[in-house]
Amino acid sequence: EAQLVESGGGLVQAGGSLRLSCAASGFKIDDAAVGWFRQVPGKHLEGLSCTKNPDGSGPYTSAASVKGRFTISADNAKNTVYLQMNSLKPDDTAVYYCIADRGRDFCPLGYQHDIWGQGTQVTVNA
């Protein structure tokens, strides 16, 4: 069974850092576009970053709200995707999801995805 298991969320002070991990099993992350998304209650799912770019340039962060602060990376040997989050702000408080779409070369937006992680809460105190 293909699944994603996230870890690394928690409570942090503004200005601090966290690293989220997303361990995949049942499929290879290199065979999928794996992205990090987040959701605040009452708001839409926000796409942050993706391991694949249709132009072949590799992992990238697309969300303007986190560009320059968040970095996605992938370790194919460990079949794990990471999200390094620096200079955290209270507005970054959300549930963070790792989501995979097998056979894709980009991370589609919206809610129609192949495999979802369980989500991990990140809370940033002012």
Foldseek 3Di string as FASTA:
>chain_A
DWAKAKDWADEEAAQAKIKMKIAIPPDFQVQKKKFKWWDDPPDFIGTFWIQADPVGPGTDTDDPVQPPFWGWDADRVRSMIMIIGGRDDQVVWTWMKMFIAGNDRYDDDDDDGDYIYPTDTHGYHD
